[in-house]
């Protein structure tokens, strides 16, 4: 793989990461607060925001998998042969895998938990008492969901910045 090709793949990865980061920031700071403000009904607003977040999770899956395939895969064999040290590719790879793990937790653990609580209650959550187990469980799952989103946004920014430190030149074998 040539240096020029790696630069193009890195630029594409950077664009994908920044696009998803912009979507996540727009969701967190524009769409979610506006939805709660405009729709006076917190339960309905929560359902709309939750549906949007589920779609944002699937886009995150696609972005982090594509970024791994575009920027990591071409370099993997070259750095994999070196056994000493913790190079930039290994650190970048670990961060990308952590982001995918957070996508997994959000998509297959936290979001289904929140959906099952809402289905079980069959009433707006704010009608339940503050100490009700379902309301407490939903609040805990909501906090975890928010933390996972924030961490993925930070990882997307870090991965985007880290693309510049990934190796691009293929070392020629010593004679």
N, C-alpha and C. Protein backbone atom coordinates (compact mmCIF):
# COMPACT_ATOMS: atom_id res chain seq x y z
N UNK A 1 0.86 -1.17 0.00
CA UNK A 1 0.00 0.00 0.00
C UNK A 1 0.90 1.23 0.00
N UNK A 2 0.65 2.15 -0.90
CA UNK A 2 1.51 3.34 -1.00
C UNK A 2 1.11 4.38 0.03
N UNK A 3 2.03 5.30 0.27
CA UNK A 3 1.78 6.38 1.23
C UNK A 3 0.60 7.25 0.77
N UNK A 4 0.50 7.49 -0.53
CA UNK A 4 -0.58 8.31 -1.08
C UNK A 4 -1.94 7.64 -0.83
N UNK A 5 -2.01 6.33 -1.04
CA UNK A 5 -3.25 5.59 -0.79
C UNK A 5 -3.61 5.63 0.68
N UNK A 6 -2.61 5.44 1.55
CA UNK A 6 -2.88 5.50 2.99
C UNK A 6 -3.38 6.88 3.41
N UNK A 7 -2.83 7.93 2.83
CA UNK A 7 -3.30 9.29 3.13
C UNK A 7 -4.76 9.46 2.71
N UNK A 8 -5.12 8.94 1.55
CA UNK A 8 -6.51 9.04 1.09
C UNK A 8 -7.45 8.26 2.01
N UNK A 9 -7.05 7.06 2.39
CA UNK A 9 -7.88 6.27 3.30
C UNK A 9 -8.01 6.95 4.65
N UNK A 10 -6.92 7.56 5.13
CA UNK A 10 -6.97 8.29 6.40
C UNK A 10 -7.89 9.51 6.30
N UNK A 11 -7.85 10.18 5.14
CA UNK A 11 -8.73 11.35 4.95
C UNK A 11 -10.20 10.92 4.95
N UNK A 12 -10.48 9.79 4.32
CA UNK A 12 -11.84 9.26 4.32
C UNK A 12 -12.27 8.87 5.74
N UNK A 13 -11.37 8.23 6.48
CA UNK A 13 -11.66 7.87 7.87
C UNK A 13 -11.89 9.11 8.72
N UNK A 14 -11.06 10.11 8.52
CA UNK A 14 -11.21 11.37 9.25
C UNK A 14 -12.57 11.99 8.96
N UNK A 15 -12.96 12.00 7.70
CA UNK A 15 -14.27 12.54 7.33
C UNK A 15 -15.42 11.79 7.99
N UNK A 16 -15.34 10.46 8.01
CA UNK A 16 -16.39 9.65 8.64
C UNK A 16 -16.46 9.91 10.14
N UNK A 17 -15.30 9.95 10.80
CA UNK A 17 -15.28 10.20 12.24
C UNK A 17 -15.84 11.58 12.58
N UNK A 18 -15.44 12.58 11.83
CA UNK A 18 -15.92 13.93 12.11
C UNK A 18 -17.40 14.08 11.77
N UNK A 19 -17.87 13.39 10.74
CA UNK A 19 -19.29 13.41 10.42
C UNK A 19 -20.10 12.81 11.56
N UNK A 20 -19.69 11.64 12.06
CA UNK A 20 -20.42 11.02 13.16
C UNK A 20 -20.33 11.89 14.41
N UNK A 21 -19.15 12.43 14.69
CA UNK A 21 -19.00 13.30 15.86
C UNK A 21 -19.93 14.50 15.76
N UNK A 22 -20.03 15.11 14.58
CA UNK A 22 -20.96 16.22 14.40
C UNK A 22 -22.41 15.81 14.61
N UNK A 23 -22.76 14.63 14.11
CA UNK A 23 -24.13 14.12 14.33
C UNK A 23 -24.39 13.91 15.82
N UNK A 24 -23.43 13.32 16.52
CA UNK A 24 -23.61 13.05 17.94
C UNK A 24 -23.70 14.35 18.74
N UNK A 25 -22.86 15.32 18.41
CA UNK A 25 -22.92 16.61 19.10
C UNK A 25 -24.23 17.32 18.79
N UNK A 26 -24.67 17.27 17.55
CA UNK A 26 -25.96 17.86 17.19
C UNK A 26 -27.10 17.21 17.94
N UNK A 27 -27.03 15.90 18.07
CA UNK A 27 -28.06 15.18 18.83
C UNK A 27 -28.04 15.61 20.29
N UNK A 28 -26.86 15.59 20.89
CA UNK A 28 -26.75 15.84 22.33
C UNK A 28 -27.07 17.28 22.72
N UNK A 29 -26.66 18.23 21.88
CA UNK A 29 -26.80 19.63 22.28
C UNK A 29 -27.91 20.38 21.55
N UNK A 30 -28.46 19.81 20.48
CA UNK A 30 -29.53 20.50 19.75
C UNK A 30 -30.83 19.70 19.75
N UNK A 31 -30.78 18.49 19.19
CA UNK A 31 -32.02 17.74 18.99
C UNK A 31 -32.66 17.30 20.30
N UNK A 32 -31.90 16.67 21.18
CA UNK A 32 -32.49 16.16 22.42
C UNK A 32 -33.08 17.27 23.29
N UNK A 33 -32.32 18.34 23.60
CA UNK A 33 -32.92 19.39 24.44
C UNK A 33 -34.12 20.07 23.77
N UNK A 34 -34.05 20.27 22.45
CA UNK A 34 -35.15 20.92 21.74
C UNK A 34 -36.40 20.05 21.76
N UNK A 35 -36.21 18.74 21.59
CA UNK A 35 -37.35 17.83 21.61
C UNK A 35 -38.06 17.88 22.95
N UNK A 36 -37.30 17.87 24.03
CA UNK A 36 -37.91 17.93 25.36
C UNK A 36 -38.58 19.28 25.60
N UNK A 37 -38.02 20.34 25.06
CA UNK A 37 -38.58 21.67 25.25
C UNK A 37 -39.87 21.85 24.44
N UNK A 38 -39.86 21.41 23.19
CA UNK A 38 -41.00 21.64 22.31
C UNK A 38 -42.17 20.72 22.63
N UNK A 39 -41.86 19.46 22.91
CA UNK A 39 -42.94 18.49 23.15
C UNK A 39 -43.35 18.51 24.61
N UNK A 40 -43.75 19.31 25.28
CA UNK A 40 -44.05 19.34 26.70
C UNK A 40 -44.20 17.99 27.41
N UNK A 41 -44.53 16.94 26.71
CA UNK A 41 -44.71 15.61 27.29
C UNK A 41 -43.35 14.89 27.34
N UNK A 42 -42.82 14.68 28.55
CA UNK A 42 -41.49 14.08 28.71
C UNK A 42 -41.45 12.64 28.21
N UNK A 43 -42.54 11.92 28.37
CA UNK A 43 -42.56 10.53 27.94
C UNK A 43 -42.44 10.44 26.42
N UNK A 44 -43.23 11.23 25.71
CA UNK A 44 -43.17 11.23 24.26
C UNK A 44 -41.81 11.74 23.77
N UNK A 45 -41.32 12.79 24.39
CA UNK A 45 -40.01 13.32 24.02
C UNK A 45 -38.92 12.27 24.26
N UNK A 46 -39.02 11.55 25.36
CA UNK A 46 -38.05 10.48 25.65
C UNK A 46 -38.08 9.38 24.61
N UNK A 47 -39.26 9.06 24.13
CA UNK A 47 -39.37 8.03 23.09
C UNK A 47 -38.76 8.51 21.77
N UNK A 48 -38.99 9.78 21.42
CA UNK A 48 -38.42 10.33 20.18
C UNK A 48 -36.90 10.37 20.29
N UNK A 49 -36.40 10.87 21.41
CA UNK A 49 -34.95 10.96 21.60
C UNK A 49 -34.34 9.56 21.64
N UNK A 50 -35.01 8.63 22.28
CA UNK A 50 -34.51 7.25 22.34
C UNK A 50 -34.45 6.61 20.96
N UNK A 51 -35.46 6.85 20.12
CA UNK A 51 -35.45 6.31 18.77
C UNK A 51 -34.32 6.91 17.95
N UNK A 52 -34.08 8.21 18.13
CA UNK A 52 -32.98 8.86 17.42
C UNK A 52 -31.65 8.30 17.88
N UNK A 53 -31.51 8.10 19.18
CA UNK A 53 -30.26 7.57 19.72
C UNK A 53 -29.99 6.15 19.22
N UNK A 54 -31.03 5.36 19.08
CA UNK A 54 -30.86 4.00 18.55
C UNK A 54 -30.31 4.06 17.12
N UNK A 55 -30.82 4.98 16.32
CA UNK A 55 -30.31 5.13 14.96
C UNK A 55 -28.88 5.66 14.95
N UNK A 56 -28.59 6.58 15.86
CA UNK A 56 -27.23 7.11 15.98
C UNK A 56 -26.26 6.00 16.39
N UNK A 57 -26.72 5.07 17.21
CA UNK A 57 -25.89 3.91 17.60
C UNK A 57 -25.53 3.07 16.38
N UNK A 58 -26.50 2.82 15.49
CA UNK A 58 -26.23 2.01 14.31
C UNK A 58 -25.28 2.72 13.36
N UNK A 59 -25.39 4.04 13.26
CA UNK A 59 -24.45 4.80 12.44
C UNK A 59 -23.06 4.72 13.05
N UNK A 60 -22.98 4.77 14.38
CA UNK A 60 -21.68 4.65 15.06
C UNK A 60 -21.04 3.30 14.75
N UNK A 61 -21.83 2.24 14.77
CA UNK A 61 -21.32 0.92 14.40
C UNK A 61 -20.67 0.99 13.02
N UNK A 62 -21.41 1.53 12.06
CA UNK A 62 -20.91 1.58 10.69
C UNK A 62 -19.63 2.40 10.59
N UNK A 63 -19.62 3.55 11.24
CA UNK A 63 -18.46 4.44 11.15
C UNK A 63 -17.23 3.79 11.77
N UNK A 64 -17.35 3.26 12.99
CA UNK A 64 -16.17 2.70 13.65
C UNK A 64 -15.67 1.44 12.93
N UNK A 65 -16.56 0.64 12.38
CA UNK A 65 -16.12 -0.53 11.62
C UNK A 65 -15.43 -0.09 10.32
N UNK A 66 -16.01 0.88 9.62
CA UNK A 66 -15.39 1.37 8.38
C UNK A 66 -14.03 2.00 8.65
N UNK A 67 -13.93 2.76 9.72
CA UNK A 67 -12.65 3.39 10.05
C UNK A 67 -11.59 2.33 10.35
N UNK A 68 -11.98 1.30 11.07
CA UNK A 68 -11.03 0.21 11.33
C UNK A 68 -10.60 -0.44 10.01
N UNK A 69 -11.55 -0.68 9.13
CA UNK A 69 -11.22 -1.34 7.87
C UNK A 69 -10.37 -0.45 6.96
N UNK A 70 -10.64 0.84 6.95
CA UNK A 70 -9.93 1.75 6.05
C UNK A 70 -8.53 2.12 6.54
N UNK A 71 -8.40 2.40 7.83
CA UNK A 71 -7.12 2.92 8.32
C UNK A 71 -6.29 1.87 9.06
N UNK A 72 -6.92 0.87 9.59
CA UNK A 72 -6.18 -0.09 10.41
C UNK A 72 -5.74 -1.30 9.60
N UNK A 73 -6.64 -1.85 8.83
CA UNK A 73 -6.37 -3.09 8.11
C UNK A 73 -5.14 -3.01 7.21
N UNK A 74 -4.96 -1.95 6.42
CA UNK A 74 -3.77 -1.90 5.56
C UNK A 74 -2.45 -1.87 6.33
N UNK A 75 -2.48 -1.43 7.57
CA UNK A 75 -1.24 -1.29 8.34
C UNK A 75 -1.00 -2.46 9.29
N UNK A 76 -2.00 -3.28 9.49
CA UNK A 76 -1.95 -4.29 10.53
C UNK A 76 -0.79 -5.25 10.37
N UNK A 77 -0.62 -5.81 9.21
CA UNK A 77 0.45 -6.80 9.02
C UNK A 77 1.82 -6.19 9.21
N UNK A 78 2.01 -4.95 8.77
CA UNK A 78 3.33 -4.32 8.89
C UNK A 78 3.71 -4.14 10.36
N UNK A 79 2.80 -3.65 11.18
CA UNK A 79 3.15 -3.42 12.58
C UNK A 79 3.02 -4.70 13.40
N UNK A 80 2.19 -5.61 12.96
CA UNK A 80 2.00 -6.86 13.69
C UNK A 80 3.30 -7.66 13.77
N UNK A 81 4.14 -7.53 12.76
CA UNK A 81 5.41 -8.25 12.73
C UNK A 81 6.38 -7.75 13.80
N UNK A 82 6.25 -6.48 14.19
CA UNK A 82 7.11 -5.92 15.24
C UNK A 82 6.51 -6.29 16.58
N UNK A 83 7.29 -6.97 17.40
CA UNK A 83 6.74 -7.44 18.67
C UNK A 83 7.06 -6.51 19.84
N UNK A 84 8.08 -5.68 19.73
CA UNK A 84 8.40 -4.83 20.87
C UNK A 84 7.72 -3.47 20.73
N UNK A 85 7.38 -2.94 21.87
CA UNK A 85 6.83 -1.60 21.93
C UNK A 85 5.34 -1.54 21.68
N UNK A 86 4.82 -0.41 22.06
CA UNK A 86 3.40 -0.15 21.88
C UNK A 86 3.31 1.02 20.91
N UNK A 87 3.22 0.71 19.62
CA UNK A 87 3.23 1.73 18.58
C UNK A 87 1.91 2.46 18.47
N UNK A 88 1.91 3.52 17.67
CA UNK A 88 0.69 4.31 17.51
C UNK A 88 -0.47 3.52 16.91
N UNK A 89 -0.16 2.57 16.04
CA UNK A 89 -1.22 1.77 15.45
C UNK A 89 -1.91 0.90 16.51
N UNK A 90 -1.14 0.35 17.41
CA UNK A 90 -1.73 -0.49 18.47
C UNK A 90 -2.60 0.34 19.40
N UNK A 91 -2.15 1.54 19.76
CA UNK A 91 -2.96 2.41 20.61
C UNK A 91 -4.23 2.85 19.89
N UNK A 92 -4.10 3.22 18.63
CA UNK A 92 -5.25 3.64 17.84
C UNK A 92 -6.24 2.49 17.70
N UNK A 93 -5.72 1.30 17.46
CA UNK A 93 -6.56 0.11 17.32
C UNK A 93 -7.32 -0.18 18.60
N UNK A 94 -6.65 -0.05 19.73
CA UNK A 94 -7.30 -0.29 21.02
C UNK A 94 -8.44 0.71 21.23
N UNK A 95 -8.21 1.97 20.88
CA UNK A 95 -9.26 2.98 21.03
C UNK A 95 -10.45 2.67 20.13
N UNK A 96 -10.19 2.26 18.90
CA UNK A 96 -11.28 1.92 17.98
C UNK A 96 -12.06 0.71 18.48
N UNK A 97 -11.36 -0.28 19.01
CA UNK A 97 -12.05 -1.46 19.54
C UNK A 97 -12.86 -1.12 20.78
N UNK A 98 -12.37 -0.22 21.61
CA UNK A 98 -13.14 0.24 22.78
C UNK A 98 -14.41 0.95 22.31
N UNK A 99 -14.30 1.77 21.27
CA UNK A 99 -15.48 2.44 20.72
C UNK A 99 -16.50 1.42 20.23
N UNK A 100 -16.04 0.36 19.57
CA UNK A 100 -16.97 -0.69 19.13
C UNK A 100 -17.58 -1.43 20.30
N UNK A 101 -16.82 -1.63 21.34
CA UNK A 101 -17.36 -2.27 22.54
C UNK A 101 -18.46 -1.41 23.16
N UNK A 102 -18.26 -0.10 23.15
CA UNK A 102 -19.28 0.81 23.66
C UNK A 102 -20.52 0.81 22.77
N UNK A 103 -20.32 0.69 21.46
CA UNK A 103 -21.46 0.54 20.54
C UNK A 103 -22.24 -0.72 20.89
N UNK A 104 -21.52 -1.80 21.14
CA UNK A 104 -22.18 -3.06 21.51
C UNK A 104 -22.98 -2.89 22.79
N UNK A 105 -22.37 -2.31 23.81
CA UNK A 105 -23.06 -2.13 25.09
C UNK A 105 -24.30 -1.26 24.92
N UNK A 106 -24.19 -0.20 24.16
CA UNK A 106 -25.33 0.69 23.96
C UNK A 106 -26.44 0.02 23.16
N UNK A 107 -26.07 -0.64 22.07
CA UNK A 107 -27.07 -1.23 21.16
C UNK A 107 -27.74 -2.49 21.71
N UNK A 108 -26.97 -3.31 22.41
CA UNK A 108 -27.50 -4.62 22.78
C UNK A 108 -27.73 -4.83 24.28
N UNK A 109 -27.33 -3.87 25.10
CA UNK A 109 -27.55 -4.01 26.54
C UNK A 109 -28.40 -2.86 27.09
N UNK A 110 -27.91 -1.63 26.94
CA UNK A 110 -28.56 -0.49 27.58
C UNK A 110 -29.88 -0.13 26.90
N UNK A 111 -29.86 0.03 25.57
CA UNK A 111 -31.09 0.43 24.87
C UNK A 111 -32.20 -0.61 25.03
N UNK A 112 -31.93 -1.92 24.87
CA UNK A 112 -33.00 -2.90 25.10
C UNK A 112 -33.52 -2.87 26.54
N UNK A 113 -32.65 -2.60 27.49
CA UNK A 113 -33.08 -2.50 28.89
C UNK A 113 -34.07 -1.36 29.05
N UNK A 114 -33.76 -0.20 28.47
CA UNK A 114 -34.66 0.95 28.57
C UNK A 114 -35.99 0.68 27.86
N UNK A 115 -35.93 0.01 26.72
CA UNK A 115 -37.16 -0.32 25.98
C UNK A 115 -38.01 -1.29 26.78
N UNK A 116 -37.39 -2.27 27.41
CA UNK A 116 -38.17 -3.25 28.19
C UNK A 116 -38.81 -2.61 29.42
N UNK A 117 -38.11 -1.66 30.04
CA UNK A 117 -38.69 -0.97 31.19
C UNK A 117 -39.91 -0.16 30.75
N UNK A 118 -39.77 0.58 29.64
CA UNK A 118 -40.90 1.37 29.14
C UNK A 118 -42.08 0.47 28.75
N UNK A 119 -41.80 -0.68 28.16
CA UNK A 119 -42.87 -1.59 27.76
C UNK A 119 -43.56 -2.19 28.99
N UNK A 120 -42.79 -2.47 30.01
CA UNK A 120 -43.35 -3.05 31.22
C UNK A 120 -44.23 -2.05 31.96
N UNK A 121 -43.82 -0.80 32.01
CA UNK A 121 -44.55 0.22 32.76
C UNK A 121 -45.84 0.60 32.06
N UNK A 122 -45.83 0.76 30.75
CA UNK A 122 -46.99 1.14 29.94
C UNK A 122 -47.66 2.42 30.44
N UNK A 123 -46.86 3.31 30.97
CA UNK A 123 -47.34 4.62 31.42
C UNK A 123 -46.13 5.55 31.40
N UNK A 124 -46.37 6.85 31.35
CA UNK A 124 -45.22 7.76 31.41
C UNK A 124 -44.40 7.54 32.69
N UNK A 125 -43.10 7.51 32.54
CA UNK A 125 -42.23 7.24 33.69
C UNK A 125 -42.36 8.30 34.79
N UNK A 126 -42.66 9.55 34.39
CA UNK A 126 -42.77 10.59 35.41
C UNK A 126 -44.01 10.43 36.29
N UNK A 127 -44.94 9.54 35.91
CA UNK A 127 -46.10 9.28 36.77
C UNK A 127 -45.75 8.33 37.92
N UNK A 128 -44.62 7.66 37.80
CA UNK A 128 -44.18 6.75 38.87
C UNK A 128 -43.53 7.55 39.99
N UNK A 129 -43.55 7.01 41.19
CA UNK A 129 -42.90 7.69 42.31
C UNK A 129 -41.39 7.70 42.10
N UNK A 130 -40.73 8.61 42.77
CA UNK A 130 -39.27 8.74 42.63
C UNK A 130 -38.54 7.46 43.05
N UNK A 131 -39.11 6.70 43.97
CA UNK A 131 -38.46 5.49 44.51
C UNK A 131 -38.89 4.22 43.78
N UNK A 132 -39.74 4.32 42.79
CA UNK A 132 -40.22 3.14 42.09
C UNK A 132 -39.04 2.45 41.39
N UNK A 133 -38.92 1.12 41.54
CA UNK A 133 -37.78 0.39 40.96
C UNK A 133 -37.62 0.58 39.44
N UNK A 134 -38.74 0.62 38.72
CA UNK A 134 -38.64 0.81 37.27
C UNK A 134 -38.12 2.19 36.92
N UNK A 135 -38.56 3.19 37.64
CA UNK A 135 -38.08 4.55 37.37
C UNK A 135 -36.59 4.67 37.71
N UNK A 136 -36.18 4.05 38.81
CA UNK A 136 -34.76 4.07 39.19
C UNK A 136 -33.91 3.31 38.17
N UNK A 137 -34.39 2.16 37.71
CA UNK A 137 -33.65 1.37 36.71
C UNK A 137 -33.53 2.13 35.40
N UNK A 138 -34.61 2.78 35.00
CA UNK A 138 -34.57 3.55 33.76
C UNK A 138 -33.61 4.73 33.89
N UNK A 139 -33.63 5.39 35.03
CA UNK A 139 -32.71 6.53 35.24
C UNK A 139 -31.25 6.07 35.20
N UNK A 140 -30.98 4.91 35.79
CA UNK A 140 -29.62 4.38 35.78
C UNK A 140 -29.19 4.02 34.35
N UNK A 141 -30.07 3.36 33.61
CA UNK A 141 -29.77 3.00 32.22
C UNK A 141 -29.58 4.27 31.37
N UNK A 142 -30.37 5.29 31.64
CA UNK A 142 -30.26 6.55 30.90
C UNK A 142 -28.91 7.21 31.17
N UNK A 143 -28.46 7.19 32.42
CA UNK A 143 -27.14 7.76 32.75
C UNK A 143 -26.03 7.00 32.03
N UNK A 144 -26.13 5.68 32.02
CA UNK A 144 -25.11 4.87 31.35
C UNK A 144 -25.13 5.15 29.85
N UNK A 145 -26.31 5.27 29.26
CA UNK A 145 -26.43 5.57 27.84
C UNK A 145 -25.78 6.91 27.51
N UNK A 146 -26.03 7.89 28.34
CA UNK A 146 -25.44 9.22 28.12
C UNK A 146 -23.92 9.16 28.24
N UNK A 147 -23.43 8.43 29.24
CA UNK A 147 -21.97 8.31 29.42
C UNK A 147 -21.32 7.59 28.25
N UNK A 148 -21.97 6.54 27.75
CA UNK A 148 -21.43 5.83 26.59
C UNK A 148 -21.37 6.73 25.36
N UNK A 149 -22.40 7.56 25.18
CA UNK A 149 -22.40 8.48 24.04
C UNK A 149 -21.26 9.50 24.17
N UNK A 150 -21.09 10.06 25.35
CA UNK A 150 -20.02 11.05 25.57
C UNK A 150 -18.65 10.40 25.34
N UNK A 151 -18.46 9.21 25.87
CA UNK A 151 -17.17 8.53 25.68
C UNK A 151 -16.92 8.21 24.21
N UNK A 152 -17.95 7.81 23.48
CA UNK A 152 -17.77 7.55 22.05
C UNK A 152 -17.46 8.83 21.29
N UNK A 153 -18.05 9.94 21.70
CA UNK A 153 -17.72 11.21 21.05
C UNK A 153 -16.25 11.56 21.29
N UNK A 154 -15.79 11.36 22.54
CA UNK A 154 -14.38 11.63 22.85
C UNK A 154 -13.46 10.69 22.07
N UNK A 155 -13.84 9.42 21.99
CA UNK A 155 -13.03 8.47 21.23
C UNK A 155 -13.02 8.81 19.74
N UNK A 156 -14.14 9.25 19.19
CA UNK A 156 -14.17 9.65 17.77
C UNK A 156 -13.24 10.82 17.54
N UNK A 157 -13.25 11.80 18.44
CA UNK A 157 -12.34 12.94 18.31
C UNK A 157 -10.89 12.48 18.44
N UNK A 158 -10.61 11.60 19.41
CA UNK A 158 -9.25 11.09 19.59
C UNK A 158 -8.79 10.26 18.41
N UNK A 159 -9.67 9.43 17.86
CA UNK A 159 -9.31 8.64 16.69
C UNK A 159 -9.05 9.55 15.49
N UNK A 160 -9.87 10.58 15.33
CA UNK A 160 -9.66 11.52 14.23
C UNK A 160 -8.30 12.21 14.36
N UNK A 161 -7.97 12.64 15.57
CA UNK A 161 -6.67 13.28 15.79
C UNK A 161 -5.52 12.28 15.64
N UNK A 162 -5.75 11.04 16.06
CA UNK A 162 -4.71 10.02 16.01
C UNK A 162 -4.38 9.53 14.61
N UNK A 163 -5.25 9.80 13.64
CA UNK A 163 -4.97 9.36 12.27
C UNK A 163 -3.67 9.95 11.75
N UNK A 164 -3.33 11.13 12.19
CA UNK A 164 -2.10 11.76 11.73
C UNK A 164 -0.84 11.09 12.24
N UNK A 165 -0.95 10.29 13.28
CA UNK A 165 0.21 9.63 13.87
C UNK A 165 0.39 8.19 13.39
N UNK A 166 -0.54 7.71 12.59
CA UNK A 166 -0.43 6.32 12.11
C UNK A 166 0.68 6.24 11.07
N UNK A 167 1.41 5.12 11.04
CA UNK A 167 2.48 4.98 10.06
C UNK A 167 1.93 4.95 8.64
N UNK A 168 2.66 5.59 7.73
CA UNK A 168 2.23 5.63 6.33
C UNK A 168 3.26 5.00 5.40
N UNK A 169 4.51 5.10 5.73
CA UNK A 169 5.55 4.57 4.85
C UNK A 169 5.77 3.11 5.17
N UNK A 170 5.84 2.31 4.15
CA UNK A 170 6.17 0.90 4.32
C UNK A 170 7.70 0.79 4.35
N UNK A 171 8.23 0.30 5.44
CA UNK A 171 9.70 0.15 5.55
C UNK A 171 10.17 -0.92 4.58
N UNK A 172 11.23 -0.59 3.89
CA UNK A 172 11.77 -1.60 2.99
C UNK A 172 12.60 -2.57 3.81
N UNK A 173 12.59 -3.84 3.48
CA UNK A 173 13.36 -4.84 4.24
C UNK A 173 14.86 -4.55 4.12
N UNK A 174 15.54 -4.76 5.24
CA UNK A 174 17.00 -4.53 5.27
C UNK A 174 17.70 -5.57 4.39
N UNK A 175 18.71 -5.11 3.73
CA UNK A 175 19.43 -6.02 2.82
C UNK A 175 20.35 -6.93 3.60
